[in-house]
Amino acid sequence: MMKERPILFSAPMVRALLDGTKTQTLRAIKPEWWRCLDPEDEDDRATALERCPYGAPGDRLWVREAFAPYRMRGTGVPSGIADADYACLKDGTQVWRSPPAVFPCLSEYAPGAFDGVRWRPSIHMPRWASRTTLEIVGVRVEQLHDISERDAIADRVERANDGIGWRSYDTQGDVLGAYMSARGAFFSLWRAIHGAASVSASANPWVWALTFRRVQP
């Protein structure tokens, strides 16, 4: 039976999901567990797959992102409905709870349009407010340094403006330098997120590599 689970993504990664440039994500396995795994033991990998908290192929992930119970003017959302029945997302998209509906963001906003918005962390987003649903296509267990150029690109690494190097973005949408390989750009993002933690790039942690496709909620 297909199951649904929540998953967190930053605003830049949500944009990549929506435009189809992100089709994979790597999530670290808990350090206390992966230290006990043998990278050469296929049974250990199989055990990890069975324990994957994100599910298996065919399961779905609904994306949590920062939001606010706030209604932007001019988005076409009907008036007269309580703010609690709406979620405003950081690009101005509005989600209506009942009946379910998503109102696309406006192409432009007046200066200061978001000044009065108090954003809530993605971890608190309710299911009804999610606009993005992903179907898991594949799950792998590997170590971080096993990532290939192709996988790094699928994880939202893109060509630099000069068309030669590669770049990635941090959780705020800022460019993390330019690198000669997609893997180098990916590792810069991993370091920006995890720093010197036990799942840092230098520790070469075990990860779940999830590939997915976007589906209608």
Protein backbone atom coordinates (compact mmCIF):
# COMPACT_ATOMS: atom_id res chain seq x y z
CA MET A 1 0.00 0.00 0.00
CA MET A 2 1.28 3.45 -0.94
CA LYS A 3 2.22 5.64 2.03
CA GLU A 4 2.70 9.40 2.34
CA ARG A 5 5.33 11.09 4.49
CA PRO A 6 6.45 14.72 4.92
CA ILE A 7 9.87 15.98 3.82
CA LEU A 8 11.48 19.39 4.35
CA PHE A 9 13.00 21.53 1.59
CA SER A 10 14.37 25.07 1.62
CA ALA A 11 12.85 27.76 -0.62
CA PRO A 12 15.54 27.47 -3.36
CA MET A 13 15.07 23.70 -3.47
CA VAL A 14 11.28 24.06 -3.67
CA ARG A 15 11.72 26.29 -6.72
CA ALA A 16 13.97 23.64 -8.25
CA LEU A 17 11.35 20.96 -7.57
CA LEU A 18 8.68 23.08 -9.23
CA ASP A 19 10.71 23.78 -12.36
CA GLY A 20 11.85 20.17 -12.63
CA THR A 21 15.59 20.74 -12.15
CA LYS A 22 15.75 18.80 -8.89
CA THR A 23 14.88 15.10 -9.12
CA GLN A 24 17.02 13.70 -6.31
CA THR A 25 17.93 14.41 -2.72
CA LEU A 26 20.52 12.90 -0.38
CA ARG A 27 19.60 12.58 3.30
CA ALA A 28 22.09 11.55 5.97
CA ILE A 29 21.57 8.36 7.91
CA LYS A 30 21.86 8.83 11.68
CA PRO A 31 25.56 8.69 12.66
CA GLU A 32 25.02 6.20 15.47
CA TRP A 33 23.63 3.83 12.89
CA TRP A 34 25.84 4.30 9.84
CA ARG A 35 29.02 3.85 11.86
CA CYS A 36 27.93 0.24 12.34
CA LEU A 37 27.44 -0.39 8.62
CA ASP A 38 29.95 -2.15 6.42
CA PRO A 39 30.10 -0.43 2.99
CA GLU A 40 31.08 -3.76 1.41
CA ASP A 41 28.24 -5.75 2.98
CA GLU A 42 25.16 -5.99 0.76
CA ASP A 43 23.09 -7.23 3.69
CA ASP A 44 23.81 -3.97 5.55
CA ARG A 45 22.63 -1.99 2.55
CA ALA A 46 19.46 -4.07 2.30
CA THR A 47 18.77 -3.54 6.00
CA ALA A 48 19.19 0.21 5.57
CA LEU A 49 16.71 0.24 2.69
CA GLU A 50 14.13 -1.53 4.83
CA ARG A 51 14.54 1.14 7.51
CA CYS A 52 14.44 4.17 5.23
CA PRO A 53 12.19 6.71 6.99
CA TYR A 54 11.23 8.29 3.67
CA GLY A 55 9.64 5.18 2.24
CA ALA A 56 10.12 2.95 -0.79
CA PRO A 57 9.50 3.29 -4.55
CA GLY A 58 5.84 4.05 -5.12
CA ASP A 59 5.43 5.91 -1.83
CA ARG A 60 4.87 9.67 -1.83
CA LEU A 61 6.46 12.62 -0.07
CA TRP A 62 4.61 15.86 0.56
CA VAL A 63 6.88 18.85 0.73
CA ARG A 64 6.97 21.13 3.73
CA GLU A 65 8.19 24.70 3.21
CA ALA A 66 8.07 27.98 5.12
CA PHE A 67 4.57 29.48 5.17
CA ALA A 68 2.30 31.99 6.87
CA PRO A 69 -1.46 32.16 7.53
CA TYR A 70 -1.68 35.28 5.41
CA ARG A 71 -3.64 36.30 2.31
CA MET A 72 -1.83 38.33 -0.36
CA ARG A 73 -4.01 40.88 -2.13
CA GLY A 74 -4.45 40.52 -5.86
CA THR A 75 -3.79 36.78 -6.03
CA GLY A 76 -7.37 35.92 -6.96
CA VAL A 77 -8.18 34.26 -3.65
CA PRO A 78 -11.83 34.84 -2.67
CA SER A 79 -12.44 37.16 0.26
CA GLY A 80 -14.59 36.40 3.26
CA ILE A 81 -12.71 33.26 4.30
CA ALA A 82 -10.81 33.06 7.59
CA ASP A 83 -7.03 33.49 7.33
CA ALA A 84 -6.61 30.16 9.09
CA ASP A 85 -7.89 28.52 5.92
CA TYR A 86 -5.04 29.94 3.84
CA ALA A 87 -1.31 29.52 3.61
CA CYS A 88 0.90 32.09 1.94
CA LEU A 89 4.21 30.75 0.60
CA LYS A 90 7.40 32.75 0.16
CA ASP A 91 6.93 33.29 -3.57
CA GLY A 92 3.41 34.61 -2.99
CA THR A 93 1.56 31.43 -3.92
CA GLN A 94 -1.66 31.02 -1.93
CA VAL A 95 -3.06 27.66 -0.83
CA TRP A 96 -6.73 27.39 0.08
CA ARG A 97 -7.72 24.70 2.55
CA SER A 98 -11.35 24.00 1.68
CA PRO A 99 -12.12 23.29 -1.02
CA PRO A 100 -8.47 22.53 -1.86
CA ALA A 101 -6.99 24.99 -4.34
CA VAL A 102 -3.66 26.59 -5.22
CA PHE A 103 -3.52 30.14 -6.56
CA PRO A 104 -0.29 30.80 -8.49
CA CYS A 105 1.90 33.67 -7.36
CA LEU A 106 1.81 37.04 -9.07
CA SER A 107 4.70 37.90 -11.38
CA GLU A 108 5.41 41.09 -9.45
CA TYR A 109 4.73 42.52 -6.01
CA ALA A 110 4.80 46.06 -4.74
CA PRO A 111 7.82 46.97 -2.57
CA GLY A 112 7.29 45.80 0.98
CA ALA A 113 4.53 43.35 0.06
CA PHE A 114 5.94 40.75 2.45
CA ASP A 115 7.00 43.11 5.24
CA GLY A 116 4.04 42.22 7.42
CA VAL A 117 4.40 38.47 7.01
CA ARG A 118 5.64 36.39 9.94
CA TRP A 119 6.94 33.21 8.36
CA ARG A 120 6.53 29.91 10.16
CA PRO A 121 9.20 27.19 9.89
CA SER A 122 8.56 24.46 7.35
CA ILE A 123 8.45 21.81 10.09
CA HIS A 124 5.06 23.26 11.17
CA MET A 125 3.41 23.19 7.73
CA PRO A 126 0.17 21.16 7.77
CA ARG A 127 -0.53 18.64 5.02
CA TRP A 128 -3.32 20.69 3.43
CA ALA A 129 -0.95 23.64 2.85
CA SER A 130 1.57 21.64 0.81
CA ARG A 131 1.56 22.39 -2.92
CA THR A 132 4.20 19.84 -3.93
CA THR A 133 3.88 16.06 -3.88
CA LEU A 134 6.69 13.74 -4.99
CA GLU A 135 6.52 10.07 -5.90
CA ILE A 136 9.61 8.08 -4.97
CA VAL A 137 11.11 6.39 -8.02
CA GLY A 138 14.19 4.86 -6.40
CA VAL A 139 16.03 4.58 -3.09
CA ARG A 140 19.73 3.77 -2.75
CA VAL A 141 22.05 3.45 0.21
CA GLU A 142 25.55 4.76 -0.39
CA GLN A 143 28.27 6.89 1.11
CA LEU A 144 28.32 10.58 0.37
CA HIS A 145 31.53 10.46 -1.70
CA ASP A 146 29.90 7.94 -4.06
CA ILE A 147 27.81 10.68 -5.64
CA SER A 148 28.38 10.97 -9.38
CA GLU A 149 28.42 14.05 -11.60
CA ARG A 150 25.00 13.07 -12.94
CA ASP A 151 23.57 12.66 -9.45
CA ALA A 152 24.99 16.00 -8.32
CA ILE A 153 23.23 17.70 -11.22
CA ALA A 154 19.97 15.90 -10.34
CA ASP A 155 20.39 17.28 -6.81
CA ARG A 156 20.16 20.86 -8.19
CA VAL A 157 23.69 21.76 -9.17
CA GLU A 158 23.76 23.92 -12.28
CA ARG A 159 26.14 25.44 -14.78
CA ALA A 160 27.79 28.71 -13.76
CA ASN A 161 27.09 31.83 -15.78
CA ASP A 162 30.28 31.37 -17.80
CA GLY A 163 29.02 27.97 -18.94
CA ILE A 164 32.22 26.30 -17.78
CA GLY A 165 32.08 25.70 -14.03
CA TRP A 166 29.29 24.58 -11.70
CA ARG A 167 27.51 26.22 -8.79
CA SER A 168 24.97 25.47 -6.08
CA TYR A 169 22.88 27.58 -3.72
CA ASP A 170 22.62 27.67 0.06
CA THR A 171 19.31 27.50 1.90
CA GLN A 172 18.87 31.29 1.49
CA GLY A 173 19.36 31.16 -2.27
CA ASP A 174 22.88 32.63 -2.30
CA VAL A 175 25.42 31.20 -4.74
CA LEU A 176 28.13 29.07 -3.12
CA GLY A 177 31.01 29.93 -5.43
CA ALA A 178 32.01 28.24 -8.69
CA TYR A 179 33.55 24.78 -9.04
CA MET A 180 35.06 22.83 -11.89
CA SER A 181 32.87 19.80 -11.23
CA ALA A 182 29.23 19.29 -10.29
CA ARG A 183 30.39 17.11 -7.38
CA GLY A 184 32.50 19.97 -6.03
CA ALA A 185 29.51 22.31 -6.12
CA PHE A 186 27.35 19.69 -4.42
CA PHE A 187 29.86 19.21 -1.59
CA SER A 188 29.93 22.99 -1.03
CA LEU A 189 26.17 22.86 -0.41
CA TRP A 190 26.51 19.87 1.91
CA ARG A 191 29.18 21.71 3.92
CA ALA A 192 27.01 24.82 4.10
CA ILE A 193 24.17 22.79 5.58
CA HIS A 194 26.06 20.38 7.85
CA GLY A 195 29.30 22.23 8.63
CA ALA A 196 31.55 20.27 10.99
CA ALA A 197 28.78 17.97 12.19
CA SER A 198 29.23 14.22 12.36
CA VAL A 199 27.58 13.98 8.94
CA SER A 200 29.99 16.48 7.37
CA ALA A 201 31.38 15.88 3.90
CA SER A 202 34.80 14.99 5.30
CA ALA A 203 33.24 12.21 7.40
CA ASN A 204 31.84 10.61 4.23
CA PRO A 205 28.57 9.58 5.94
CA TRP A 206 26.13 7.00 4.70
CA VAL A 207 23.11 8.55 3.00
CA TRP A 208 19.79 7.65 1.49
CA ALA A 209 19.71 8.76 -2.14
CA LEU A 210 16.09 9.37 -3.11
CA THR A 211 15.04 9.91 -6.71
CA PHE A 212 11.52 11.11 -7.42
CA ARG A 213 9.10 12.70 -9.84
CA ARG A 214 6.58 15.41 -9.13
CA VAL A 215 2.92 14.36 -9.18
CA GLN A 216 -0.38 16.11 -8.62
CA PRO A 217 -1.33 16.24 -4.91
